[in-house]
PDB file of N, CA and C in Angstrom:
ATOM      1  N   MET A   1       8.178 -52.199 -17.231  1.00  0.00           N
ATOM      2  CA  MET A   1       6.985 -51.976 -18.005  1.00  0.00           C
ATOM      3  C   MET A   1       6.055 -51.037 -17.223  1.00  0.00           C
ATOM      4  N   ALA A   2       5.676 -49.945 -17.827  1.00  0.00           N
ATOM      5  CA  ALA A   2       4.782 -48.978 -17.188  1.00  0.00           C
ATOM      6  C   ALA A   2       3.335 -49.373 -17.435  1.00  0.00           C
ATOM      7  N   MET A   3       2.549 -49.379 -16.373  1.00  0.00           N
ATOM      8  CA  MET A   3       1.126 -49.709 -16.491  1.00  0.00           C
ATOM      9  C   MET A   3       0.332 -48.415 -16.425  1.00  0.00           C
ATOM     10  N   GLN A   4      -0.588 -48.261 -17.341  1.00  0.00           N
ATOM     11  CA  GLN A   4      -1.441 -47.073 -17.368  1.00  0.00           C
ATOM     12  C   GLN A   4      -2.758 -47.387 -16.678  1.00  0.00           C
ATOM     13  N   VAL A   5      -3.218 -46.434 -15.867  1.00  0.00           N
ATOM     14  CA  VAL A   5      -4.499 -46.567 -15.173  1.00  0.00           C
ATOM     15  C   VAL A   5      -5.409 -45.459 -15.675  1.00  0.00           C
ATOM     16  N   GLN A   6      -6.648 -45.814 -16.042  1.00  0.00           N
ATOM     17  CA  GLN A   6      -7.607 -44.828 -16.539  1.00  0.00           C
ATOM     18  C   GLN A   6      -8.895 -44.913 -15.722  1.00  0.00           C
ATOM     19  N   LEU A   7      -9.552 -43.759 -15.538  1.00  0.00           N
ATOM     20  CA  LEU A   7     -10.822 -43.683 -14.826  1.00  0.00           C
ATOM     21  C   LEU A   7     -11.933 -43.437 -15.836  1.00  0.00           C
ATOM     22  N   PHE A   8     -12.992 -44.260 -15.775  1.00  0.00           N
ATOM     23  CA  PHE A   8     -14.109 -44.143 -16.695  1.00  0.00           C
ATOM     24  C   PHE A   8     -15.421 -44.004 -15.928  1.00  0.00           C
ATOM     25  N   LYS A   9     -16.435 -43.467 -16.620  1.00  0.00           N
ATOM     26  CA  LYS A   9     -17.784 -43.365 -16.063  1.00  0.00           C
ATOM     27  C   LYS A   9     -18.783 -43.829 -17.107  1.00  0.00           C
ATOM     28  N   LYS A  10     -19.925 -44.337 -16.624  1.00  0.00           N
ATOM     29  CA  LYS A  10     -20.995 -44.769 -17.513  1.00  0.00           C
ATOM     30  C   LYS A  10     -22.317 -44.310 -16.913  1.00  0.00           C
ATOM     31  N   TYR A  11     -23.110 -43.594 -17.720  1.00  0.00           N
ATOM     32  CA  TYR A  11     -24.402 -43.088 -17.282  1.00  0.00           C
ATOM     33  C   TYR A  11     -25.509 -44.053 -17.690  1.00  0.00           C
ATOM     34  N   GLY A  12     -26.573 -44.061 -16.917  1.00  0.00           N
ATOM     35  CA  GLY A  12     -27.727 -44.878 -17.244  1.00  0.00           C
ATOM     36  C   GLY A  12     -28.921 -44.448 -16.417  1.00  0.00           C
ATOM     37  N   THR A  13     -30.017 -45.160 -16.568  1.00  0.00           N
ATOM     38  CA  THR A  13     -31.223 -44.906 -15.776  1.00  0.00           C
ATOM     39  C   THR A  13     -31.769 -46.232 -15.272  1.00  0.00           C
ATOM     40  N   TYR A  14     -32.528 -46.144 -14.191  1.00  0.00           N
ATOM     41  CA  TYR A  14     -33.242 -47.289 -13.663  1.00  0.00           C
ATOM     42  C   TYR A  14     -34.593 -46.816 -13.158  1.00  0.00           C
ATOM     43  N   GLN A  15     -35.519 -47.743 -12.992  1.00  0.00           N
ATOM     44  CA  GLN A  15     -36.853 -47.380 -12.522  1.00  0.00           C
ATOM     45  C   GLN A  15     -36.923 -47.585 -11.009  1.00  0.00           C
ATOM     46  N   ASP A  16     -37.275 -46.514 -10.286  1.00  0.00           N
ATOM     47  CA  ASP A  16     -37.428 -46.559  -8.839  1.00  0.00           C
ATOM     48  C   ASP A  16     -38.609 -47.475  -8.501  1.00  0.00           C
ATOM     49  N   LYS A  17     -38.395 -48.430  -7.608  1.00  0.00           N
ATOM     50  CA  LYS A  17     -39.432 -49.404  -7.269  1.00  0.00           C
ATOM     51  C   LYS A  17     -40.608 -48.757  -6.539  1.00  0.00           C
ATOM     52  N   GLU A  18     -40.333 -47.729  -5.735  1.00  0.00           N
ATOM     53  CA  GLU A  18     -41.402 -47.098  -4.957  1.00  0.00           C
ATOM     54  C   GLU A  18     -42.235 -46.122  -5.787  1.00  0.00           C
ATOM     55  N   THR A  19     -41.564 -45.275  -6.559  1.00  0.00           N
ATOM     56  CA  THR A  19     -42.278 -44.230  -7.295  1.00  0.00           C
ATOM     57  C   THR A  19     -42.583 -44.619  -8.745  1.00  0.00           C
ATOM     58  N   GLY A  20     -41.826 -45.575  -9.291  1.00  0.00           N
ATOM     59  CA  GLY A  20     -42.006 -45.962 -10.679  1.00  0.00           C
ATOM     60  C   GLY A  20     -41.366 -44.995 -11.663  1.00  0.00           C
ATOM     61  N   LYS A  21     -40.715 -43.952 -11.149  1.00  0.00           N
ATOM     62  CA  LYS A  21     -40.076 -42.959 -12.020  1.00  0.00           C
ATOM     63  C   LYS A  21     -38.657 -43.400 -12.374  1.00  0.00           C
ATOM     64  N   ASP A  22     -38.206 -42.940 -13.545  1.00  0.00           N
ATOM     65  CA  ASP A  22     -36.829 -43.202 -13.957  1.00  0.00           C
ATOM     66  C   ASP A  22     -35.879 -42.304 -13.183  1.00  0.00           C
ATOM     67  N   LYS A  23     -34.779 -42.896 -12.706  1.00  0.00           N
ATOM     68  CA  LYS A  23     -33.736 -42.142 -12.008  1.00  0.00           C
ATOM     69  C   LYS A  23     -32.416 -42.374 -12.729  1.00  0.00           C
ATOM     70  N   ARG A  24     -31.577 -41.355 -12.714  1.00  0.00           N
ATOM     71  CA  ARG A  24     -30.264 -41.445 -13.359  1.00  0.00           C
ATOM     72  C   ARG A  24     -29.236 -42.023 -12.393  1.00  0.00           C
ATOM     73  N   PHE A  25     -28.231 -42.692 -12.947  1.00  0.00           N
ATOM     74  CA  PHE A  25     -27.100 -43.152 -12.143  1.00  0.00           C
ATOM     75  C   PHE A  25     -25.823 -42.988 -12.942  1.00  0.00           C
ATOM     76  N   VAL A  26     -24.700 -43.016 -12.230  1.00  0.00           N
ATOM     77  CA  VAL A  26     -23.390 -43.019 -12.879  1.00  0.00           C
ATOM     78  C   VAL A  26     -22.553 -44.088 -12.182  1.00  0.00           C
ATOM     79  N   ASN A  27     -21.941 -44.970 -12.975  1.00  0.00           N
ATOM     80  CA  ASN A  27     -21.038 -45.996 -12.462  1.00  0.00           C
ATOM     81  C   ASN A  27     -19.615 -45.611 -12.840  1.00  0.00           C
ATOM     82  N   PHE A  28     -18.670 -45.937 -11.964  1.00  0.00           N
ATOM     83  CA  PHE A  28     -17.263 -45.608 -12.184  1.00  0.00           C
ATOM     84  C   PHE A  28     -16.447 -46.887 -12.303  1.00  0.00           C
ATOM     85  N   TYR A  29     -15.424 -46.833 -13.159  1.00  0.00           N
ATOM     86  CA  TYR A  29     -14.547 -47.971 -13.404  1.00  0.00           C
ATOM     87  C   TYR A  29     -13.113 -47.482 -13.528  1.00  0.00           C
ATOM     88  N   ILE A  30     -12.179 -48.328 -13.094  1.00  0.00           N
ATOM     89  CA  ILE A  30     -10.755 -48.079 -13.326  1.00  0.00           C
ATOM     90  C   ILE A  30     -10.273 -49.172 -14.264  1.00  0.00           C
ATOM     91  N   LYS A  31      -9.564 -48.765 -15.295  1.00  0.00           N
ATOM     92  CA  LYS A  31      -8.980 -49.726 -16.232  1.00  0.00           C
ATOM     93  C   LYS A  31      -7.509 -49.875 -15.878  1.00  0.00           C
ATOM     94  N   CYS A  32      -7.122 -51.092 -15.494  1.00  0.00           N
ATOM     95  CA  CYS A  32      -5.723 -51.426 -15.199  1.00  0.00           C
ATOM     96  C   CYS A  32      -5.315 -52.518 -16.173  1.00  0.00           C
ATOM     97  N   GLY A  33      -4.439 -52.171 -17.108  1.00  0.00           N
ATOM     98  CA  GLY A  33      -4.084 -53.126 -18.148  1.00  0.00           C
ATOM     99  C   GLY A  33      -5.310 -53.407 -18.985  1.00  0.00           C
ATOM    100  N   ASP A  34      -5.724 -54.690 -19.049  1.00  0.00           N
ATOM    101  CA  ASP A  34      -6.925 -55.025 -19.814  1.00  0.00           C
ATOM    102  C   ASP A  34      -8.105 -55.363 -18.904  1.00  0.00           C
ATOM    103  N   GLN A  35      -7.963 -55.111 -17.606  1.00  0.00           N
ATOM    104  CA  GLN A  35      -9.038 -55.387 -16.644  1.00  0.00           C
ATOM    105  C   GLN A  35      -9.807 -54.119 -16.296  1.00  0.00           C
ATOM    106  N   LEU A  36     -11.116 -54.239 -16.186  1.00  0.00           N
ATOM    107  CA  LEU A  36     -11.981 -53.135 -15.807  1.00  0.00           C
ATOM    108  C   LEU A  36     -12.497 -53.427 -14.397  1.00  0.00           C
ATOM    109  N   ILE A  37     -12.216 -52.523 -13.457  1.00  0.00           N
ATOM    110  CA  ILE A  37     -12.552 -52.718 -12.045  1.00  0.00           C
ATOM    111  C   ILE A  37     -13.590 -51.677 -11.640  1.00  0.00           C
ATOM    112  N   VAL A  38     -14.688 -52.135 -11.038  1.00  0.00           N
ATOM    113  CA  VAL A  38     -15.746 -51.239 -10.589  1.00  0.00           C
ATOM    114  C   VAL A  38     -15.267 -50.460  -9.366  1.00  0.00           C
ATOM    115  N   VAL A  39     -15.573 -49.156  -9.341  1.00  0.00           N
ATOM    116  CA  VAL A  39     -15.232 -48.290  -8.214  1.00  0.00           C
ATOM    117  C   VAL A  39     -16.523 -47.673  -7.705  1.00  0.00           C
ATOM    118  N   GLU A  40     -16.739 -47.752  -6.393  1.00  0.00           N
ATOM    119  CA  GLU A  40     -17.943 -47.173  -5.809  1.00  0.00           C
ATOM    120  C   GLU A  40     -17.539 -46.166  -4.742  1.00  0.00           C
ATOM    121  N   PRO A  41     -17.947 -44.897  -4.892  1.00  0.00           N
ATOM    122  CA  PRO A  41     -17.634 -43.921  -3.844  1.00  0.00           C
ATOM    123  C   PRO A  41     -18.320 -44.344  -2.541  1.00  0.00           C
ATOM    124  N   LYS A  42     -17.574 -44.313  -1.459  1.00  0.00           N
ATOM    125  CA  LYS A  42     -18.080 -44.771  -0.166  1.00  0.00           C
ATOM    126  C   LYS A  42     -18.906 -43.696   0.519  1.00  0.00           C
ATOM    127  N   TYR A  43     -20.019 -44.099   1.115  1.00  0.00           N
ATOM    128  CA  TYR A  43     -20.891 -43.214   1.885  1.00  0.00           C
ATOM    129  C   TYR A  43     -20.594 -43.464   3.362  1.00  0.00           C
ATOM    130  N   PHE A  44     -20.186 -42.409   4.093  1.00  0.00           N
ATOM    131  CA  PHE A  44     -19.856 -42.518   5.500  1.00  0.00           C
ATOM    132  C   PHE A  44     -20.924 -41.807   6.332  1.00  0.00           C
ATOM    133  N   PRO A  45     -21.912 -42.537   6.885  1.00  0.00           N
ATOM    134  CA  PRO A  45     -22.925 -41.896   7.721  1.00  0.00           C
ATOM    135  C   PRO A  45     -22.264 -41.237   8.935  1.00  0.00           C
ATOM    136  N   ASN A  46     -22.668 -40.020   9.242  1.00  0.00           N
ATOM    137  CA  ASN A  46     -22.089 -39.270  10.344  1.00  0.00           C
ATOM    138  C   ASN A  46     -23.199 -38.904  11.331  1.00  0.00           C
ATOM    139  N   PRO A  47     -23.115 -39.404  12.568  1.00  0.00           N
ATOM    140  CA  PRO A  47     -24.163 -39.109  13.556  1.00  0.00           C
ATOM    141  C   PRO A  47     -24.317 -37.614  13.839  1.00  0.00           C
ATOM    142  N   LYS A  48     -23.269 -36.847  13.643  1.00  0.00           N
ATOM    143  CA  LYS A  48     -23.340 -35.393  13.863  1.00  0.00           C
ATOM    144  C   LYS A  48     -24.246 -34.708  12.840  1.00  0.00           C
ATOM    145  N   PHE A  49     -24.478 -35.359  11.713  1.00  0.00           N
ATOM    146  CA  PHE A  49     -25.297 -34.791  10.639  1.00  0.00           C
ATOM    147  C   PHE A  49     -26.511 -35.678  10.355  1.00  0.00           C
ATOM    148  N   ASP A  50     -27.117 -36.263  11.388  1.00  0.00           N
ATOM    149  CA  ASP A  50     -28.276 -37.154  11.238  1.00  0.00           C
ATOM    150  C   ASP A  50     -27.988 -38.304  10.277  1.00  0.00           C
ATOM    151  N   ASP A  51     -26.792 -38.868  10.394  1.00  0.00           N
ATOM    152  CA  ASP A  51     -26.317 -39.984   9.560  1.00  0.00           C
ATOM    153  C   ASP A  51     -26.211 -39.658   8.080  1.00  0.00           C
ATOM    154  N   ARG A  52     -26.136 -38.386   7.749  1.00  0.00           N
ATOM    155  CA  ARG A  52     -25.844 -37.997   6.363  1.00  0.00           C
ATOM    156  C   ARG A  52     -24.327 -37.911   6.200  1.00  0.00           C
ATOM    157  N   ASP A  53     -23.852 -37.903   4.996  1.00  0.00           N
ATOM    158  CA  ASP A  53     -22.432 -37.755   4.685  1.00  0.00           C
ATOM    159  C   ASP A  53     -22.258 -36.497   3.845  1.00  0.00           C
ATOM    160  N   PRO A  54     -21.903 -35.356   4.472  1.00  0.00           N
ATOM    161  CA  PRO A  54     -21.803 -34.108   3.716  1.00  0.00           C
ATOM    162  C   PRO A  54     -20.698 -34.106   2.655  1.00  0.00           C
ATOM    163  N   GLY A  55     -19.738 -35.011   2.749  1.00  0.00           N
ATOM    164  CA  GLY A  55     -18.650 -35.048   1.768  1.00  0.00           C
ATOM    165  C   GLY A  55     -18.896 -35.973   0.592  1.00  0.00           C
ATOM    166  N   PHE A  56     -19.966 -36.769   0.643  1.00  0.00           N
ATOM    167  CA  PHE A  56     -20.214 -37.763  -0.407  1.00  0.00           C
ATOM    168  C   PHE A  56     -20.394 -37.124  -1.776  1.00  0.00           C
ATOM    169  N   ALA A  57     -21.222 -36.101  -1.848  1.00  0.00           N
ATOM    170  CA  ALA A  57     -21.483 -35.450  -3.144  1.00  0.00           C
ATOM    171  C   ALA A  57     -20.199 -34.886  -3.741  1.00  0.00           C
ATOM    172  N   GLY A  58     -19.336 -34.341  -2.914  1.00  0.00           N
ATOM    173  CA  GLY A  58     -18.068 -33.802  -3.405  1.00  0.00           C
ATOM    174  C   GLY A  58     -17.144 -34.881  -3.927  1.00  0.00           C
ATOM    175  N   ARG A  59     -17.037 -35.994  -3.197  1.00  0.00           N
ATOM    176  CA  ARG A  59     -16.186 -37.104  -3.660  1.00  0.00           C
ATOM    177  C   ARG A  59     -16.693 -37.657  -4.986  1.00  0.00           C
ATOM    178  N   LYS A  60     -18.009 -37.793  -5.094  1.00  0.00           N
ATOM    179  CA  LYS A  60     -18.592 -38.304  -6.342  1.00  0.00           C
ATOM    180  C   LYS A  60     -18.383 -37.312  -7.489  1.00  0.00           C
ATOM    181  N   ALA A  61     -18.508 -36.025  -7.201  1.00  0.00           N
ATOM    182  CA  ALA A  61     -18.327 -35.001  -8.236  1.00  0.00           C
ATOM    183  C   ALA A  61     -16.899 -34.991  -8.770  1.00  0.00           C
ATOM    184  N   VAL A  62     -15.917 -35.205  -7.901  1.00  0.00           N
ATOM    185  CA  VAL A  62     -14.515 -35.243  -8.350  1.00  0.00           C
ATOM    186  C   VAL A  62     -14.297 -36.435  -9.272  1.00  0.00           C
ATOM    187  N   LEU A  63     -14.818 -37.602  -8.890  1.00  0.00           N
ATOM    188  CA  LEU A  63     -14.696 -38.771  -9.764  1.00  0.00           C
ATOM    189  C   LEU A  63     -15.341 -38.505 -11.121  1.00  0.00           C
ATOM    190  N   GLU A  64     -16.530 -37.921 -11.093  1.00  0.00           N
ATOM    191  CA  GLU A  64     -17.262 -37.666 -12.336  1.00  0.00           C
ATOM    192  C   GLU A  64     -16.540 -36.647 -13.212  1.00  0.00           C
ATOM    193  N   ALA A  65     -15.929 -35.647 -12.580  1.00  0.00           N
ATOM    194  CA  ALA A  65     -15.240 -34.601 -13.344  1.00  0.00           C
ATOM    195  C   ALA A  65     -13.998 -35.130 -14.059  1.00  0.00           C
ATOM    196  N   PHE A  66     -13.294 -36.069 -13.448  1.00  0.00           N
ATOM    197  CA  PHE A  66     -12.038 -36.543 -14.022  1.00  0.00           C
ATOM    198  C   PHE A  66     -12.174 -37.813 -14.848  1.00  0.00           C
ATOM    199  N   ALA A  67     -13.335 -38.465 -14.795  1.00  0.00           N
ATOM    200  CA  ALA A  67     -13.525 -39.713 -15.530  1.00  0.00           C
ATOM    201  C   ALA A  67     -13.906 -39.441 -16.980  1.00  0.00           C
ATOM    202  N   GLU A  68     -13.414 -40.292 -17.852  1.00  0.00           N
ATOM    203  CA  GLU A  68     -13.797 -40.248 -19.266  1.00  0.00           C
ATOM    204  C   GLU A  68     -15.010 -41.165 -19.457  1.00  0.00           C
ATOM    205  N   LEU A  69     -15.797 -40.918 -20.490  1.00  0.00           N
ATOM    206  CA  LEU A  69     -16.916 -41.803 -20.787  1.00  0.00           C
ATOM    207  C   LEU A  69     -16.394 -43.190 -21.173  1.00  0.00           C
ATOM    208  N   LEU A  70     -17.019 -44.208 -20.630  1.00  0.00           N
ATOM    209  CA  LEU A  70     -16.640 -45.580 -20.946  1.00  0.00           C
ATOM    210  C   LEU A  70     -17.053 -45.893 -22.374  1.00  0.00           C
ATOM    211  N   PRO A  71     -16.103 -46.311 -23.214  1.00  0.00           N
ATOM    212  CA  PRO A  71     -16.471 -46.650 -24.595  1.00  0.00           C
ATOM    213  C   PRO A  71     -17.378 -47.878 -24.618  1.00  0.00           C
ATOM    214  N   GLU A  72     -18.279 -47.918 -25.585  1.00  0.00           N
ATOM    215  CA  GLU A  72     -19.148 -49.090 -25.756  1.00  0.00           C
ATOM    216  C   GLU A  72     -18.291 -50.288 -26.115  1.00  0.00           C
ATOM    217  N   LYS A  73     -18.668 -51.454 -25.596  1.00  0.00           N
ATOM    218  CA  LYS A  73     -17.876 -52.641 -25.933  1.00  0.00           C
ATOM    219  C   LYS A  73     -18.277 -53.152 -27.299  1.00  0.00           C
ATOM    220  N   GLU A  74     -17.300 -53.661 -28.006  1.00  0.00           N
ATOM    221  CA  GLU A  74     -17.534 -54.161 -29.351  1.00  0.00           C
ATOM    222  C   GLU A  74     -18.157 -55.551 -29.277  1.00  0.00           C
ATOM    223  N   SER A  75     -18.891 -55.934 -30.295  1.00  0.00           N
ATOM    224  CA  SER A  75     -19.524 -57.251 -30.299  1.00  0.00           C
ATOM    225  C   SER A  75     -18.459 -58.333 -30.266  1.00  0.00           C
ATOM    226  N   GLY A  76     -18.751 -59.391 -29.504  1.00  0.00           N
ATOM    227  CA  GLY A  76     -17.804 -60.499 -29.388  1.00  0.00           C
ATOM    228  C   GLY A  76     -16.769 -60.289 -28.312  1.00  0.00           C
ATOM    229  N   GLU A  77     -16.788 -59.135 -27.656  1.00  0.00           N
ATOM    230  CA  GLU A  77     -15.811 -58.840 -26.619  1.00  0.00           C
ATOM    231  C   GLU A  77     -16.244 -59.482 -25.307  1.00  0.00           C
ATOM    232  N   ASN A  78     -15.304 -59.998 -24.540  1.00  0.00           N
ATOM    233  CA  ASN A  78     -15.582 -60.608 -23.256  1.00  0.00           C
ATOM    234  C   ASN A  78     -16.023 -59.525 -22.279  1.00  0.00           C
ATOM    235  N   SER A  79     -17.096 -59.759 -21.521  1.00  0.00           N
ATOM    236  CA  SER A  79     -17.631 -58.751 -20.614  1.00  0.00           C
ATOM    237  C   SER A  79     -16.708 -58.480 -19.431  1.00  0.00           C
ATOM    238  N   GLU A  80     -15.804 -59.414 -19.076  1.00  0.00           N
ATOM    239  CA  GLU A  80     -14.895 -59.187 -17.966  1.00  0.00           C
ATOM    240  C   GLU A  80     -13.694 -58.364 -18.378  1.00  0.00           C
ATOM    241  N   ASN A  81     -13.341 -58.406 -19.618  1.00  0.00           N
ATOM    242  CA  ASN A  81     -12.183 -57.650 -20.109  1.00  0.00           C
ATOM    243  C   ASN A  81     -12.651 -56.417 -20.838  1.00  0.00           C
ATOM    244  N   PHE A  82     -11.790 -55.435 -20.904  1.00  0.00           N
ATOM    245  CA  PHE A  82     -12.110 -54.182 -21.554  1.00  0.00           C
ATOM    246  C   PHE A  82     -11.915 -54.300 -23.032  1.00  0.00           C
TER     247      PHE A  82
END
């Protein structure tokens, strides 16, 4: 039996606690069978770059470029399952 794996993204906004302004975010998920698994791009602080991670934006951009929009869940659907 072949299992299909899909990459999804979901956009949203949240209110910054310090500034009170709305900020955008993108969450990533992998669908394996009927399970939806959260994926978070890892940030690797590098002392050579004042603890910044110069590759983080690129890793996140690749995920965003290849991910499909996460479909809205239908009413009555279990939140743990896709």
